[in-house]
N, C-alpha and C. Protein backbone atom coordinates (compact mmCIF):
# COMPACT_ATOMS: atom_id res chain seq x y z
N MET A 1 7.52 -1.76 7.15
CA MET A 1 8.16 -0.85 6.36
C MET A 1 7.34 -0.27 5.45
N ARG A 2 6.33 -1.27 4.81
CA ARG A 2 5.51 -0.64 3.88
C ARG A 2 4.21 0.09 4.66
N LYS A 3 3.81 -0.03 5.61
CA LYS A 3 2.73 0.69 6.53
C LYS A 3 3.41 1.95 6.60
N LYS A 4 4.78 2.40 6.87
CA LYS A 4 5.22 3.45 7.32
C LYS A 4 5.65 4.29 6.04
N ILE A 5 5.87 3.94 5.26
CA ILE A 5 5.94 4.44 3.75
C ILE A 5 4.71 4.92 3.39
N LEU A 6 3.86 4.15 3.47
CA LEU A 6 2.40 4.61 2.91
C LEU A 6 1.76 5.69 4.17
N ILE A 7 1.79 5.47 5.19
CA ILE A 7 1.61 6.67 6.23
C ILE A 7 2.31 7.80 5.82
N LEU A 8 3.81 7.78 5.48
CA LEU A 8 4.30 9.17 5.15
C LEU A 8 3.74 9.75 3.68
N ALA A 9 3.55 8.73 3.06
CA ALA A 9 3.18 9.23 1.58
C ALA A 9 1.66 9.96 1.85
N ILE A 10 0.75 9.52 2.61
CA ILE A 10 -0.39 10.28 3.15
C ILE A 10 -0.43 11.28 3.68
N ALA A 11 0.88 11.30 4.66
CA ALA A 11 0.86 12.60 5.43
C ALA A 11 1.52 13.80 4.18
N ILE A 12 2.22 13.42 3.51
CA ILE A 12 2.72 14.30 2.59
C ILE A 12 1.69 14.86 1.46
N ILE A 13 0.84 13.82 0.90
CA ILE A 13 -0.39 14.51 0.28
C ILE A 13 -0.98 15.23 1.00
N HIS A 14 -1.40 15.01 2.30
CA HIS A 14 -2.18 15.75 3.25
C HIS A 14 -1.56 17.40 3.20
N LEU A 15 -0.17 17.38 3.65
CA LEU A 15 0.14 18.51 3.45
C LEU A 15 0.32 19.51 2.23
N SER A 16 0.60 18.40 1.35
CA SER A 16 0.44 19.36 -0.07
C SER A 16 -1.12 19.89 -0.24
N VAL A 17 -1.71 19.38 0.24
CA VAL A 17 -3.25 19.93 0.04
C VAL A 17 -3.53 21.17 0.91
N THR A 18 -2.79 20.97 2.17
CA THR A 18 -2.96 22.26 3.01
C THR A 18 -2.26 23.23 2.89
N PHE A 19 -0.94 23.07 2.16
CA PHE A 19 0.02 23.85 2.20
C PHE A 19 0.43 24.29 0.66
N ALA A 20 -0.82 24.42 -0.08
CA ALA A 20 -0.55 24.42 -1.68
C ALA A 20 -0.22 26.18 -2.22
N ALA A 21 -0.19 26.97 -0.80
CA ALA A 21 0.29 28.21 -1.13
C ALA A 21 1.96 28.42 -1.21
N VAL A 22 2.53 27.71 -0.67
CA VAL A 22 4.31 27.58 -0.81
C VAL A 22 4.53 27.65 -2.17
N PRO A 23 5.65 28.64 -2.15
CA PRO A 23 6.07 28.69 -3.66
C PRO A 23 6.80 27.39 -4.29
N VAL A 24 6.58 27.38 -5.67
CA VAL A 24 6.82 26.04 -6.23
C VAL A 24 8.66 26.33 -6.62
N VAL A 25 9.03 24.94 -6.01
CA VAL A 25 10.64 24.73 -6.49
C VAL A 25 10.84 24.32 -7.68
N GLU A 26 11.51 24.49 -8.57
CA GLU A 26 12.16 23.71 -9.84
C GLU A 26 12.99 22.79 -9.81
N SER A 27 12.76 21.84 -10.36
CA SER A 27 13.94 20.53 -10.16
C SER A 27 14.27 20.03 -11.41
N LYS A 28 15.30 19.21 -10.97
CA LYS A 28 16.13 18.78 -12.79
C LYS A 28 15.27 17.11 -12.71
N LYS A 29 15.26 17.05 -13.92
CA LYS A 29 14.59 15.76 -14.48
C LYS A 29 15.78 14.97 -14.93
N ASP A 30 15.74 13.71 -14.39
CA ASP A 30 16.59 12.67 -14.51
C ASP A 30 16.07 11.23 -15.24
N SER A 31 16.70 10.54 -15.63
CA SER A 31 16.31 9.07 -15.70
C SER A 31 15.23 8.58 -15.05
N ALA A 32 15.79 8.54 -13.64
CA ALA A 32 14.54 7.99 -12.84
C ALA A 32 13.70 8.68 -12.37
N THR A 33 13.65 10.10 -12.62
CA THR A 33 12.10 10.46 -12.46
C THR A 33 11.64 11.17 -13.34
N ALA A 34 11.86 10.51 -14.70
CA ALA A 34 11.07 10.82 -16.11
C ALA A 34 9.65 10.76 -16.12
N TYR A 35 9.57 9.64 -15.35
CA TYR A 35 7.75 9.39 -15.40
C TYR A 35 6.89 10.37 -14.43
N VAL A 36 7.71 11.23 -13.67
CA VAL A 36 6.96 12.38 -12.72
C VAL A 36 7.11 13.60 -13.41
N SER A 37 6.06 14.10 -13.30
CA SER A 37 5.78 15.59 -13.93
C SER A 37 6.62 16.48 -12.80
N LYS A 38 6.77 17.63 -13.41
CA LYS A 38 7.51 18.37 -12.88
C LYS A 38 6.67 18.95 -11.66
N ASP A 39 5.51 19.29 -12.02
CA ASP A 39 4.62 19.91 -11.18
C ASP A 39 4.40 18.97 -9.86
N ASP A 40 4.15 17.37 -10.16
CA ASP A 40 4.63 16.60 -9.10
C ASP A 40 5.33 16.47 -7.78
N GLU A 41 6.61 16.74 -8.57
CA GLU A 41 7.64 16.47 -8.04
C GLU A 41 7.72 18.26 -7.06
N ALA A 42 7.34 18.98 -7.65
CA ALA A 42 7.54 20.29 -6.70
C ALA A 42 6.47 20.19 -6.01
N MET A 43 5.50 19.59 -6.01
CA MET A 43 4.45 19.47 -4.95
C MET A 43 5.04 18.79 -3.91
N VAL A 44 5.48 17.53 -4.10
CA VAL A 44 6.15 16.50 -2.90
C VAL A 44 7.34 17.51 -2.26
N LYS A 45 8.08 18.10 -2.86
CA LYS A 45 9.32 18.84 -2.26
C LYS A 45 8.81 19.96 -1.42
N ASN A 46 7.58 20.77 -1.94
CA ASN A 46 7.14 21.44 -0.99
C ASN A 46 6.30 21.28 0.12
N ALA A 47 5.67 19.84 0.04
CA ALA A 47 5.04 19.09 1.18
C ALA A 47 5.82 18.89 2.18
N VAL A 48 7.12 18.16 1.80
CA VAL A 48 8.29 17.58 2.53
C VAL A 48 8.55 19.26 3.47
N ALA A 49 8.97 19.96 3.00
CA ALA A 49 9.46 21.51 3.37
C ALA A 49 8.43 22.25 4.11
N ALA A 50 7.48 22.01 3.92
CA ALA A 50 6.23 22.72 4.84
C ALA A 50 6.17 21.71 6.23
N PHE A 51 6.06 20.37 5.53
CA PHE A 51 6.12 19.36 7.16
C PHE A 51 7.62 19.47 7.62
N LYS A 52 8.67 19.83 7.59
CA LYS A 52 9.73 20.04 8.27
C LYS A 52 9.83 21.36 9.00
N GLY A 53 9.04 22.25 8.44
CA GLY A 53 8.43 23.43 9.25
C GLY A 53 7.85 23.61 10.28
N LEU A 54 7.21 22.57 10.37
CA LEU A 54 6.10 22.43 11.66
C LEU A 54 6.78 22.04 12.96
N SER A 55 6.12 22.34 13.65
CA SER A 55 6.67 22.02 15.23
C SER A 55 6.27 20.83 15.51
N LYS A 56 6.72 20.12 16.35
CA LYS A 56 6.95 18.89 16.78
C LYS A 56 5.45 18.32 17.42
N LYS A 57 4.89 19.05 17.93
CA LYS A 57 3.48 19.21 18.07
C LYS A 57 2.88 18.82 16.94
N GLU A 58 2.69 19.73 15.95
CA GLU A 58 2.26 19.83 14.90
C GLU A 58 2.80 18.60 14.10
N ARG A 59 3.40 18.16 13.74
CA ARG A 59 3.87 17.10 13.13
C ARG A 59 3.15 15.86 13.89
N LYS A 60 3.36 15.68 14.85
CA LYS A 60 2.61 14.34 15.64
C LYS A 60 1.21 14.57 15.23
N ALA A 61 0.49 15.63 15.28
CA ALA A 61 -0.93 15.76 15.21
C ALA A 61 -1.18 15.29 13.59
N ARG A 62 -0.17 15.92 12.96
CA ARG A 62 -0.46 15.40 11.07
C ARG A 62 -0.05 14.03 10.87
N ILE A 63 0.77 13.33 11.81
CA ILE A 63 0.98 11.77 11.64
C ILE A 63 -0.18 10.82 12.42
N ALA A 64 -0.73 11.70 13.41
CA ALA A 64 -1.79 10.96 13.76
C ALA A 64 -3.24 11.35 12.82
N ASP A 65 -3.17 12.08 12.26
CA ASP A 65 -4.56 12.22 10.88
C ASP A 65 -4.11 11.34 10.17
N ALA A 66 -3.13 11.16 9.38
CA ALA A 66 -2.31 10.22 8.76
C ALA A 66 -2.99 9.00 8.70
N LYS A 67 -2.42 8.58 10.05
CA LYS A 67 -2.97 7.30 10.54
C LYS A 67 -4.42 6.97 10.85
N GLU A 68 -5.28 8.05 11.07
CA GLU A 68 -6.21 7.94 11.15
C GLU A 68 -7.24 7.81 9.78
N LEU A 69 -6.78 8.57 8.84
CA LEU A 69 -7.20 8.13 7.42
C LEU A 69 -6.85 6.87 6.87
N MET A 70 -5.74 6.39 7.42
CA MET A 70 -5.08 5.00 6.73
C MET A 70 -6.21 3.70 7.53
N LYS A 71 -6.30 4.09 8.72
CA LYS A 71 -7.55 3.17 9.33
C LYS A 71 -8.61 3.03 8.70
N ASN A 72 -9.06 4.53 8.38
CA ASN A 72 -10.48 4.41 7.60
C ASN A 72 -10.58 3.93 6.46
N TYR A 73 -9.52 4.01 5.88
CA TYR A 73 -9.54 3.22 4.41
C TYR A 73 -9.64 1.72 4.31
N LYS A 74 -8.90 1.40 5.49
CA LYS A 74 -8.41 -0.09 5.63
C LYS A 74 -9.88 -0.57 5.87
N ALA A 75 -10.59 0.08 6.80
CA ALA A 75 -11.89 -0.37 7.12
C ALA A 75 -12.81 -0.39 5.93
N GLU A 76 -12.95 0.83 4.89
CA GLU A 76 -13.46 0.74 3.84
C GLU A 76 -13.48 -0.40 2.83
N LYS A 77 -12.06 -0.69 2.80
CA LYS A 77 -11.80 -1.61 1.97
C LYS A 77 -12.16 -2.68 2.29
N ALA A 78 -12.04 -2.93 3.56
CA ALA A 78 -12.78 -4.44 4.31
C ALA A 78 -14.15 -4.88 4.15
N ALA A 79 -14.85 -3.24 4.15
CA ALA A 79 -16.26 -3.28 3.94
C ALA A 79 -16.69 -3.76 2.58
N GLY A 80 -15.93 -3.73 1.67
CA GLY A 80 -16.46 -3.56 0.46
C GLY A 80 -17.04 -4.90 -0.01
N ASP A 81 -16.51 -5.53 -1.15
CA ASP A 81 -17.00 -6.82 -1.79
C ASP A 81 -16.42 -7.95 -1.40
N ALA A 82 -16.37 -8.13 0.15
CA ALA A 82 -15.16 -9.03 0.45
C ALA A 82 -15.68 -10.46 0.31
N ASP A 83 -17.18 -10.68 0.71
CA ASP A 83 -17.99 -11.95 0.69
C ASP A 83 -17.63 -12.66 -1.09
N THR A 84 -17.93 -11.77 -2.04
CA THR A 84 -17.61 -12.43 -3.58
C THR A 84 -15.88 -12.90 -3.58
N ASN A 85 -15.42 -11.78 -3.29
CA ASN A 85 -13.90 -11.81 -3.49
C ASN A 85 -13.29 -12.99 -2.96
N THR A 86 -13.85 -13.37 -1.64
CA THR A 86 -13.29 -14.49 -0.70
C THR A 86 -13.81 -15.79 -1.04
N LEU A 87 -15.07 -15.42 -1.36
CA LEU A 87 -15.65 -17.05 -2.35
C LEU A 87 -14.73 -17.55 -3.84
N LEU A 88 -14.49 -16.39 -4.46
CA LEU A 88 -13.51 -16.65 -5.56
C LEU A 88 -12.38 -17.39 -5.23
N LEU A 89 -11.79 -16.50 -4.41
CA LEU A 89 -10.12 -16.68 -4.29
C LEU A 89 -10.41 -18.13 -3.38
N ALA A 90 -11.38 -18.53 -2.65
CA ALA A 90 -11.16 -19.79 -1.77
C ALA A 90 -11.51 -20.94 -2.95
N ILE A 91 -12.39 -20.69 -4.03
CA ILE A 91 -12.52 -21.51 -5.05
C ILE A 91 -10.83 -21.65 -5.79
N LEU A 92 -10.30 -20.60 -6.17
CA LEU A 92 -9.09 -20.46 -6.61
C LEU A 92 -7.98 -21.44 -6.25
N ALA A 93 -8.17 -21.27 -4.85
CA ALA A 93 -7.16 -21.89 -3.75
C ALA A 93 -7.05 -23.15 -3.76
N ILE A 94 -8.39 -23.58 -4.04
CA ILE A 94 -8.27 -25.31 -4.45
C ILE A 94 -7.57 -25.68 -5.66
N LEU A 95 -8.11 -24.92 -6.81
CA LEU A 95 -7.59 -25.35 -8.21
C LEU A 95 -6.49 -24.89 -8.44
N LEU A 96 -5.72 -23.67 -8.07
CA LEU A 96 -4.55 -23.09 -7.94
C LEU A 96 -4.02 -22.40 -7.29
N PRO A 97 -3.46 -22.98 -5.81
CA PRO A 97 -3.38 -22.39 -5.01
C PRO A 97 -2.40 -21.03 -5.06
N PRO A 98 -1.24 -20.98 -5.58
CA PRO A 98 -0.23 -20.24 -5.70
C PRO A 98 -0.86 -18.90 -6.55
N VAL A 99 -1.63 -18.81 -7.38
CA VAL A 99 -2.47 -18.13 -8.13
C VAL A 99 -3.12 -17.20 -7.10
N ALA A 100 -4.00 -18.39 -6.11
CA ALA A 100 -5.08 -17.63 -5.26
C ALA A 100 -4.32 -16.58 -4.21
N VAL A 101 -2.85 -17.05 -4.04
CA VAL A 101 -2.36 -16.33 -2.93
C VAL A 101 -1.64 -14.92 -3.82
N PHE A 102 -1.27 -15.59 -4.78
CA PHE A 102 -0.85 -14.03 -5.45
C PHE A 102 -1.92 -13.13 -5.95
N LEU A 103 -3.25 -13.27 -6.19
CA LEU A 103 -4.30 -12.43 -6.11
C LEU A 103 -4.71 -11.74 -5.01
N HIS A 104 -4.59 -12.75 -3.81
CA HIS A 104 -4.78 -12.09 -2.70
C HIS A 104 -4.01 -11.06 -2.02
N GLU A 105 -2.72 -11.27 -2.27
CA GLU A 105 -1.48 -10.57 -1.65
C GLU A 105 -1.29 -9.45 -2.53
N ASN A 106 -1.99 -9.63 -3.91
CA ASN A 106 -1.41 -8.42 -5.03
C ASN A 106 0.16 -8.20 -5.39
N GLU A 107 1.10 -9.21 -4.77
CA GLU A 107 2.23 -9.17 -5.41
C GLU A 107 3.19 -10.54 -4.93
N ILE A 108 4.35 -10.79 -5.46
CA ILE A 108 4.98 -11.95 -5.63
C ILE A 108 5.56 -11.79 -4.02
N ASN A 109 5.40 -12.57 -2.97
CA ASN A 109 6.07 -12.25 -1.74
C ASN A 109 6.47 -13.41 -1.28
N SER A 110 6.91 -13.86 0.02
CA SER A 110 7.42 -14.97 0.73
C SER A 110 5.91 -16.10 0.57
N LYS A 111 5.20 -15.50 0.92
CA LYS A 111 3.70 -16.26 0.78
C LYS A 111 3.23 -17.11 -0.35
N PHE A 112 3.76 -16.02 -1.66
CA PHE A 112 3.63 -16.70 -2.78
C PHE A 112 4.57 -18.00 -2.83
N TRP A 113 5.90 -17.57 -2.49
CA TRP A 113 6.92 -19.01 -3.01
C TRP A 113 6.84 -19.84 -1.74
N ILE A 114 6.13 -19.50 -0.76
CA ILE A 114 5.84 -20.82 0.08
C ILE A 114 4.94 -21.74 -0.57
N SER A 115 3.55 -21.05 -0.81
CA SER A 115 2.52 -21.77 -1.46
C SER A 115 2.78 -22.36 -2.86
N LEU A 116 3.49 -21.85 -3.64
CA LEU A 116 4.16 -22.73 -5.03
C LEU A 116 5.19 -23.75 -4.35
N LEU A 117 6.02 -23.38 -3.58
CA LEU A 117 6.69 -24.89 -2.91
C LEU A 117 6.18 -25.73 -2.72
N LEU A 118 5.18 -25.65 -1.43
CA LEU A 118 4.27 -26.97 -1.21
C LEU A 118 3.48 -27.28 -2.34
N THR A 119 2.77 -26.37 -3.17
CA THR A 119 1.63 -26.98 -4.40
C THR A 119 2.53 -28.04 -5.19
N LEU A 120 3.80 -27.65 -5.55
CA LEU A 120 4.57 -28.49 -6.51
C LEU A 120 5.26 -29.79 -5.73
N LEU A 121 5.55 -29.48 -4.37
CA LEU A 121 6.01 -30.76 -3.72
C LEU A 121 4.82 -31.88 -3.25
N PHE A 122 3.79 -31.29 -2.69
CA PHE A 122 2.92 -32.02 -2.07
C PHE A 122 1.33 -30.96 -2.37
N TRP A 123 0.45 -31.07 -3.43
CA TRP A 123 -0.30 -30.87 -3.65
C TRP A 123 -1.37 -30.40 -2.61
N LEU A 124 -1.87 -31.15 -1.90
CA LEU A 124 -2.75 -30.84 -0.74
C LEU A 124 -2.29 -30.09 0.49
N PRO A 125 -0.75 -30.05 0.85
CA PRO A 125 -0.63 -28.89 1.91
C PRO A 125 -0.41 -27.42 1.08
N GLY A 126 -0.39 -27.51 -0.01
CA GLY A 126 -0.32 -26.32 -1.00
C GLY A 126 -1.45 -25.66 -0.86
N VAL A 127 -2.41 -26.60 -0.95
CA VAL A 127 -4.14 -26.04 -1.37
C VAL A 127 -4.62 -25.67 0.61
N ILE A 128 -4.01 -26.31 1.35
CA ILE A 128 -4.26 -26.16 2.74
C ILE A 128 -4.10 -24.72 3.33
N TYR A 129 -2.31 -24.30 2.87
CA TYR A 129 -2.13 -23.03 2.92
C TYR A 129 -2.56 -21.99 2.23
N ALA A 130 -2.84 -22.26 1.04
CA ALA A 130 -3.52 -21.16 0.36
C ALA A 130 -4.61 -20.70 0.76
N LEU A 131 -5.54 -21.84 1.08
CA LEU A 131 -6.61 -21.25 2.03
C LEU A 131 -6.71 -21.16 3.37
N ILE A 132 -5.38 -21.04 4.00
CA ILE A 132 -5.44 -20.14 5.35
C ILE A 132 -4.85 -18.69 5.09
N VAL A 133 -3.97 -18.63 3.85
CA VAL A 133 -3.83 -17.20 3.64
C VAL A 133 -4.93 -16.14 3.10
N VAL A 134 -5.82 -16.79 2.37
CA VAL A 134 -6.83 -16.25 1.71
C VAL A 134 -7.99 -16.22 2.55
N LEU A 135 -8.33 -16.96 3.56
CA LEU A 135 -9.25 -16.94 4.43
C LEU A 135 -9.07 -16.31 5.91
N GLY A 136 -7.87 -15.99 6.31
CA GLY A 136 -7.25 -15.84 7.46
C GLY A 136 -6.54 -14.51 7.35
C-alpha cells in the first residue's frame, strides 16, 4: 500500500512540474490542511486534474516513468553508505535489538513489536531476529 501511495505521489509531482501552466484553483483552508500552503494544495489539485485529463495510454506511460524513477531512487539509496550503517545497526542489534529494528525500518511496525517481545521474553531470540531484520 505504501509503495502505491509513493508511486502516486511521484506521478503527481512529475505531472505538477510538467503541467505548471494549468490555472491555479483556489481552495478552502481547514484544520486538516492548515500546515499546507495554498500554493502547494493548488499545485496538487492541478496535477491531479491534468493527470485525469490524459488518455489511458499517456497515464500508463506516466505511471511507468514514476515507477522507473522510484526504482532508480531505491538503487541510489541502496548504493549509499550502506556498509557503515549496516555495521552500526548490527552492533546495535546485539546490544539493543528493538532500537536497531526501529532505526532500520524508520517506523514502529510489526517487526519492531516482534523484536521487542522476543527481547523481553528471551534476549537471544530477540538479538537473532534483529540481526535477521537488519542484515536481511
